[in-house]
N, C-alpha and C. Protein backbone atom coordinates (compact mmCIF):
# COMPACT_ATOMS: atom_id res chain seq x y z
N UNK A 1 0.38 -19.98 8.98
CA UNK A 1 -0.09 -19.65 7.63
C UNK A 1 -0.21 -20.95 6.84
N UNK A 2 -1.23 -21.05 6.05
CA UNK A 2 -1.45 -22.27 5.28
C UNK A 2 -0.40 -22.42 4.19
N UNK A 3 -0.15 -23.69 3.85
CA UNK A 3 0.86 -23.99 2.84
C UNK A 3 0.49 -23.39 1.49
N UNK A 4 -0.79 -23.42 1.13
CA UNK A 4 -1.19 -22.88 -0.17
C UNK A 4 -1.02 -21.36 -0.22
N UNK A 5 -1.19 -20.70 0.92
CA UNK A 5 -1.00 -19.24 0.95
C UNK A 5 0.47 -18.88 0.75
N UNK A 6 1.35 -19.66 1.35
CA UNK A 6 2.79 -19.42 1.18
C UNK A 6 3.19 -19.68 -0.27
N UNK A 7 2.66 -20.75 -0.82
CA UNK A 7 2.96 -21.10 -2.21
C UNK A 7 2.47 -20.00 -3.15
N UNK A 8 1.29 -19.47 -2.87
CA UNK A 8 0.74 -18.39 -3.69
C UNK A 8 1.59 -17.13 -3.61
N UNK A 9 2.08 -16.82 -2.41
CA UNK A 9 2.93 -15.64 -2.26
C UNK A 9 4.25 -15.81 -3.01
N UNK A 10 4.78 -17.01 -2.98
CA UNK A 10 6.04 -17.26 -3.71
C UNK A 10 5.82 -17.17 -5.22
N UNK A 11 4.69 -17.66 -5.70
CA UNK A 11 4.41 -17.55 -7.13
C UNK A 11 4.21 -16.09 -7.55
N UNK A 12 3.58 -15.30 -6.69
CA UNK A 12 3.42 -13.88 -6.99
C UNK A 12 4.79 -13.20 -7.04
N UNK A 13 5.67 -13.57 -6.11
CA UNK A 13 7.03 -13.01 -6.11
C UNK A 13 7.77 -13.40 -7.39
N UNK A 14 7.59 -14.62 -7.86
CA UNK A 14 8.22 -15.04 -9.12
C UNK A 14 7.64 -14.27 -10.30
N UNK A 15 6.35 -13.98 -10.27
CA UNK A 15 5.74 -13.18 -11.33
C UNK A 15 6.37 -11.79 -11.37
N UNK A 16 6.53 -11.18 -10.20
CA UNK A 16 7.15 -9.85 -10.14
C UNK A 16 8.59 -9.92 -10.63
N UNK A 17 9.32 -10.97 -10.25
CA UNK A 17 10.69 -11.14 -10.74
C UNK A 17 10.71 -11.26 -12.25
N UNK A 18 9.77 -12.01 -12.81
CA UNK A 18 9.68 -12.15 -14.26
C UNK A 18 9.39 -10.82 -14.94
N UNK A 19 8.51 -10.03 -14.34
CA UNK A 19 8.21 -8.70 -14.89
C UNK A 19 9.46 -7.83 -14.88
N UNK A 20 10.24 -7.93 -13.83
CA UNK A 20 11.48 -7.13 -13.76
C UNK A 20 12.52 -7.62 -14.77
N UNK A 21 12.65 -8.94 -14.89
CA UNK A 21 13.67 -9.49 -15.80
C UNK A 21 13.37 -9.18 -17.26
N UNK A 22 12.08 -9.10 -17.61
CA UNK A 22 11.71 -8.88 -19.01
C UNK A 22 11.23 -7.46 -19.27
N UNK A 23 11.59 -6.53 -18.41
CA UNK A 23 11.21 -5.14 -18.59
C UNK A 23 12.32 -4.40 -19.35
N UNK A 24 11.98 -3.22 -19.88
CA UNK A 24 12.89 -2.49 -20.75
C UNK A 24 14.27 -2.20 -20.16
N UNK A 25 14.40 -1.63 -18.98
CA UNK A 25 15.76 -1.27 -18.55
C UNK A 25 16.71 -2.46 -18.47
N UNK A 26 16.22 -3.60 -18.04
CA UNK A 26 17.09 -4.77 -17.93
C UNK A 26 17.38 -5.35 -19.31
N UNK A 27 16.38 -5.41 -20.16
CA UNK A 27 16.61 -5.94 -21.51
C UNK A 27 17.58 -5.07 -22.29
N UNK A 28 17.56 -3.77 -22.06
CA UNK A 28 18.46 -2.89 -22.80
C UNK A 28 19.92 -3.10 -22.40
N UNK A 29 20.16 -3.64 -21.20
CA UNK A 29 21.53 -3.95 -20.80
C UNK A 29 22.14 -5.05 -21.66
N UNK A 30 21.31 -5.95 -22.14
CA UNK A 30 21.78 -7.09 -22.92
C UNK A 30 21.63 -6.90 -24.42
N UNK A 31 21.13 -5.77 -24.84
CA UNK A 31 20.97 -5.48 -26.26
C UNK A 31 22.26 -4.88 -26.81
N UNK A 32 23.26 -5.73 -26.93
CA UNK A 32 24.58 -5.31 -27.41
C UNK A 32 24.94 -6.13 -28.64
N UNK A 33 25.76 -5.57 -29.51
CA UNK A 33 26.15 -6.31 -30.72
C UNK A 33 27.26 -7.32 -30.42
N UNK A 34 26.94 -8.35 -29.68
CA UNK A 34 27.91 -9.39 -29.34
C UNK A 34 27.19 -10.73 -29.36
N UNK A 35 27.99 -11.79 -29.35
CA UNK A 35 27.41 -13.13 -29.33
C UNK A 35 27.97 -13.91 -28.15
N UNK A 36 27.14 -14.78 -27.60
CA UNK A 36 27.54 -15.69 -26.54
C UNK A 36 27.18 -17.09 -26.98
N UNK A 37 28.17 -17.94 -27.12
CA UNK A 37 27.96 -19.31 -27.59
C UNK A 37 27.32 -19.34 -28.98
N UNK A 38 27.64 -18.37 -29.80
CA UNK A 38 27.11 -18.31 -31.16
C UNK A 38 25.71 -17.74 -31.27
N UNK A 39 25.16 -17.24 -30.18
CA UNK A 39 23.80 -16.69 -30.15
C UNK A 39 23.90 -15.24 -29.70
N UNK A 40 23.12 -14.34 -30.27
CA UNK A 40 23.14 -12.96 -29.77
C UNK A 40 22.86 -12.91 -28.27
N UNK A 41 23.52 -11.99 -27.59
CA UNK A 41 23.45 -11.91 -26.13
C UNK A 41 22.02 -11.71 -25.65
N UNK A 42 21.26 -10.89 -26.32
CA UNK A 42 19.87 -10.64 -25.91
C UNK A 42 19.05 -11.92 -25.95
N UNK A 43 19.19 -12.70 -27.00
CA UNK A 43 18.44 -13.96 -27.10
C UNK A 43 18.89 -14.95 -26.03
N UNK A 44 20.18 -15.01 -25.77
CA UNK A 44 20.69 -15.90 -24.73
C UNK A 44 20.14 -15.49 -23.36
N UNK A 45 20.12 -14.20 -23.09
CA UNK A 45 19.59 -13.71 -21.82
C UNK A 45 18.11 -14.07 -21.68
N UNK A 46 17.33 -13.84 -22.71
CA UNK A 46 15.90 -14.14 -22.64
C UNK A 46 15.67 -15.62 -22.38
N UNK A 47 16.43 -16.49 -23.06
CA UNK A 47 16.27 -17.93 -22.86
C UNK A 47 16.68 -18.35 -21.45
N UNK A 48 17.80 -17.83 -20.96
CA UNK A 48 18.28 -18.20 -19.62
C UNK A 48 17.33 -17.68 -18.55
N UNK A 49 16.85 -16.46 -18.69
CA UNK A 49 15.92 -15.91 -17.70
C UNK A 49 14.61 -16.69 -17.70
N UNK A 50 14.14 -17.05 -18.87
CA UNK A 50 12.91 -17.85 -18.98
C UNK A 50 13.10 -19.22 -18.33
N UNK A 51 14.22 -19.88 -18.63
CA UNK A 51 14.49 -21.19 -18.04
C UNK A 51 14.62 -21.10 -16.52
N UNK A 52 15.24 -20.04 -16.03
CA UNK A 52 15.37 -19.83 -14.59
C UNK A 52 14.00 -19.68 -13.94
N UNK A 53 13.12 -18.89 -14.54
CA UNK A 53 11.78 -18.72 -13.99
C UNK A 53 10.99 -20.02 -14.01
N UNK A 54 11.09 -20.79 -15.07
CA UNK A 54 10.38 -22.07 -15.14
C UNK A 54 10.91 -23.01 -14.07
N UNK A 55 12.21 -23.07 -13.89
CA UNK A 55 12.80 -23.92 -12.85
C UNK A 55 12.37 -23.51 -11.45
N UNK A 56 12.38 -22.22 -11.19
CA UNK A 56 11.96 -21.74 -9.87
C UNK A 56 10.49 -22.01 -9.62
N UNK A 57 9.66 -21.86 -10.66
CA UNK A 57 8.24 -22.18 -10.50
C UNK A 57 8.03 -23.66 -10.22
N UNK A 58 8.80 -24.50 -10.87
CA UNK A 58 8.69 -25.94 -10.61
C UNK A 58 9.07 -26.25 -9.17
N UNK A 59 10.11 -25.60 -8.67
CA UNK A 59 10.51 -25.82 -7.28
C UNK A 59 9.42 -25.37 -6.31
N UNK A 60 8.80 -24.25 -6.58
CA UNK A 60 7.75 -23.73 -5.70
C UNK A 60 6.52 -24.64 -5.74
N UNK A 61 6.12 -25.04 -6.91
CA UNK A 61 4.88 -25.82 -7.04
C UNK A 61 5.07 -27.25 -6.51
N UNK A 62 6.24 -27.82 -6.71
CA UNK A 62 6.47 -29.21 -6.31
C UNK A 62 7.02 -29.34 -4.89
N UNK A 63 7.19 -28.26 -4.16
CA UNK A 63 7.73 -28.33 -2.80
C UNK A 63 6.79 -29.11 -1.89
N UNK A 64 7.34 -29.99 -1.12
CA UNK A 64 6.54 -30.84 -0.23
C UNK A 64 6.23 -30.15 1.09
N UNK A 65 7.10 -29.23 1.53
CA UNK A 65 6.91 -28.58 2.83
C UNK A 65 5.87 -27.51 2.75
């Protein structure tokens, strides 16, 4: 299989993961009246999930193999 095809499949998988992470049932788990590090839990979750997706995309796109 070509390297670009594998990379494309991984990016599609990351897109699906992002859709799952930012969908209603998962977001409702973090919609609680609490704070983490001085930030509401929902906002902290959204930022961490977004940063995780960006990092994973960078790994997929910049992979040499």
